[in-house]
Amino acid sequence: MTLTRFVIKVPRAAGTPTVKKAFDASGVAEKWAESKWAKTLAAREARKNTTDFERFTVQVLKKQRRAILGAAAKKVQA
């Protein structure tokens, strides 16, 4: 468990319904989904769930992108 910067104001010894209502009203879930940390975790999970062929496809596309960028860099240097 890790602390985040998202804070919800609830009274001391609040019950589950009170905490749930405060959580829903604060919009913390939406703020979390928009955070960079959540996006990183989602990307990591998506990568973990890929097949061998999907990873191979990504590898080929990255290789093509590097070739294009390298050619453009050589053109700028010349």
C-alpha atoms as a PDB file:
ATOM      1  CA  MET A   1       0.000   0.000   0.000  1.00  0.00           C
ATOM      2  CA  THR A   2       1.308   3.432  -0.886  1.00  0.00           C
ATOM      3  CA  LEU A   3       0.100   6.886   0.056  1.00  0.00           C
ATOM      4  CA  THR A   4      -0.974   9.259  -2.685  1.00  0.00           C
ATOM      5  CA  ARG A   5      -1.691  12.971  -2.767  1.00  0.00           C
ATOM      6  CA  PHE A   6      -5.443  12.376  -2.995  1.00  0.00           C
ATOM      7  CA  VAL A   7      -7.188  13.215   0.279  1.00  0.00           C
ATOM      8  CA  ILE A   8     -10.824  12.819   1.328  1.00  0.00           C
ATOM      9  CA  LYS A   9     -12.198  14.679   4.341  1.00  0.00           C
ATOM     10  CA  VAL A  10     -14.252  12.336   6.518  1.00  0.00           C
ATOM     11  CA  PRO A  11     -15.174  12.612  10.189  1.00  0.00           C
ATOM     12  CA  ARG A  12     -13.351  10.530  12.762  1.00  0.00           C
ATOM     13  CA  ALA A  13     -14.687   6.966  13.135  1.00  0.00           C
ATOM     14  CA  ALA A  14     -16.850   7.323  10.016  1.00  0.00           C
ATOM     15  CA  GLY A  15     -18.704   4.220   8.917  1.00  0.00           C
ATOM     16  CA  THR A  16     -18.459   2.517   5.568  1.00  0.00           C
ATOM     17  CA  PRO A  17     -21.502   4.254   4.004  1.00  0.00           C
ATOM     18  CA  THR A  18     -20.155   7.682   5.017  1.00  0.00           C
ATOM     19  CA  VAL A  19     -16.708   6.951   3.600  1.00  0.00           C
ATOM     20  CA  LYS A  20     -18.217   5.549   0.392  1.00  0.00           C
ATOM     21  CA  LYS A  21     -20.404   8.621  -0.049  1.00  0.00           C
ATOM     22  CA  ALA A  22     -17.437  10.962   0.537  1.00  0.00           C
ATOM     23  CA  PHE A  23     -15.285   8.920  -1.853  1.00  0.00           C
ATOM     24  CA  ASP A  24     -17.903   9.051  -4.612  1.00  0.00           C
ATOM     25  CA  ALA A  25     -18.546  12.775  -4.091  1.00  0.00           C
ATOM     26  CA  SER A  26     -14.856  13.719  -4.153  1.00  0.00           C
ATOM     27  CA  GLY A  27     -14.142  12.194  -7.563  1.00  0.00           C
ATOM     28  CA  VAL A  28     -10.890  10.634  -6.385  1.00  0.00           C
ATOM     29  CA  ALA A  29     -11.300   7.613  -8.653  1.00  0.00           C
ATOM     30  CA  GLU A  30     -11.456   9.866 -11.735  1.00  0.00           C
ATOM     31  CA  LYS A  31      -8.488  11.939 -10.555  1.00  0.00           C
ATOM     32  CA  TRP A  32      -6.519   8.740  -9.963  1.00  0.00           C
ATOM     33  CA  ALA A  33      -7.368   7.422 -13.435  1.00  0.00           C
ATOM     34  CA  GLU A  34      -5.998  10.648 -14.950  1.00  0.00           C
ATOM     35  CA  SER A  35      -2.737  10.533 -12.970  1.00  0.00           C
ATOM     36  CA  LYS A  36       0.544   9.521 -14.560  1.00  0.00           C
ATOM     37  CA  TRP A  37       1.067   6.819 -11.946  1.00  0.00           C
ATOM     38  CA  ALA A  38      -2.241   5.127 -12.796  1.00  0.00           C
ATOM     39  CA  LYS A  39      -1.487   5.322 -16.511  1.00  0.00           C
ATOM     40  CA  THR A  40       1.923   3.729 -15.903  1.00  0.00           C
ATOM     41  CA  LEU A  41       0.331   0.897 -13.937  1.00  0.00           C
ATOM     42  CA  ALA A  42      -2.284   0.398 -16.668  1.00  0.00           C
ATOM     43  CA  ALA A  43       0.406   0.285 -19.361  1.00  0.00           C
ATOM     44  CA  ARG A  44       2.394  -2.223 -17.307  1.00  0.00           C
ATOM     45  CA  GLU A  45      -0.696  -4.404 -16.910  1.00  0.00           C
ATOM     46  CA  ALA A  46      -1.472  -4.168 -20.636  1.00  0.00           C
ATOM     47  CA  ARG A  47       2.103  -5.161 -21.462  1.00  0.00           C
ATOM     48  CA  LYS A  48       1.876  -8.103 -19.063  1.00  0.00           C
ATOM     49  CA  ASN A  49      -1.277  -9.364 -20.794  1.00  0.00           C
ATOM     50  CA  THR A  50       0.109  -9.296 -24.350  1.00  0.00           C
ATOM     51  CA  THR A  51       0.848 -12.378 -26.397  1.00  0.00           C
ATOM     52  CA  ASP A  52       4.202 -13.222 -27.968  1.00  0.00           C
ATOM     53  CA  PHE A  53       2.991 -12.070 -31.360  1.00  0.00           C
ATOM     54  CA  GLU A  54       1.764  -8.724 -30.001  1.00  0.00           C
ATOM     55  CA  ARG A  55       5.149  -8.138 -28.325  1.00  0.00           C
ATOM     56  CA  PHE A  56       6.886  -9.046 -31.582  1.00  0.00           C
ATOM     57  CA  THR A  57       4.679  -6.596 -33.494  1.00  0.00           C
ATOM     58  CA  VAL A  58       5.554  -3.821 -31.037  1.00  0.00           C
ATOM     59  CA  GLN A  59       9.246  -4.677 -31.407  1.00  0.00           C
ATOM     60  CA  VAL A  60       9.058  -4.420 -35.210  1.00  0.00           C
ATOM     61  CA  LEU A  61       7.188  -1.097 -35.048  1.00  0.00           C
ATOM     62  CA  LYS A  62       9.753   0.348 -32.618  1.00  0.00           C
ATOM     63  CA  LYS A  63      12.545  -0.792 -34.927  1.00  0.00           C
ATOM     64  CA  GLN A  64      10.869   0.944 -37.883  1.00  0.00           C
ATOM     65  CA  ARG A  65      10.417   4.125 -35.833  1.00  0.00           C
ATOM     66  CA  ARG A  66      14.101   4.106 -34.824  1.00  0.00           C
ATOM     67  CA  ALA A  67      15.122   3.718 -38.478  1.00  0.00           C
ATOM     68  CA  ILE A  68      12.973   6.672 -39.544  1.00  0.00           C
ATOM     69  CA  LEU A  69      14.243   8.874 -36.716  1.00  0.00           C
ATOM     70  CA  GLY A  70      17.846   7.886 -37.407  1.00  0.00           C
ATOM     71  CA  ALA A  71      17.482   8.771 -41.082  1.00  0.00           C
ATOM     72  CA  ALA A  72      15.940  12.124 -40.174  1.00  0.00           C
ATOM     73  CA  ALA A  73      18.758  12.829 -37.698  1.00  0.00           C
ATOM     74  CA  LYS A  74      21.390  12.057 -40.349  1.00  0.00           C
ATOM     75  CA  LYS A  75      19.614  14.366 -42.775  1.00  0.00           C
ATOM     76  CA  VAL A  76      19.641  17.209 -40.226  1.00  0.00           C
ATOM     77  CA  GLN A  77      23.327  16.678 -39.417  1.00  0.00           C
ATOM     78  CA  ALA A  78      24.343  16.706 -43.090  1.00  0.00           C
END
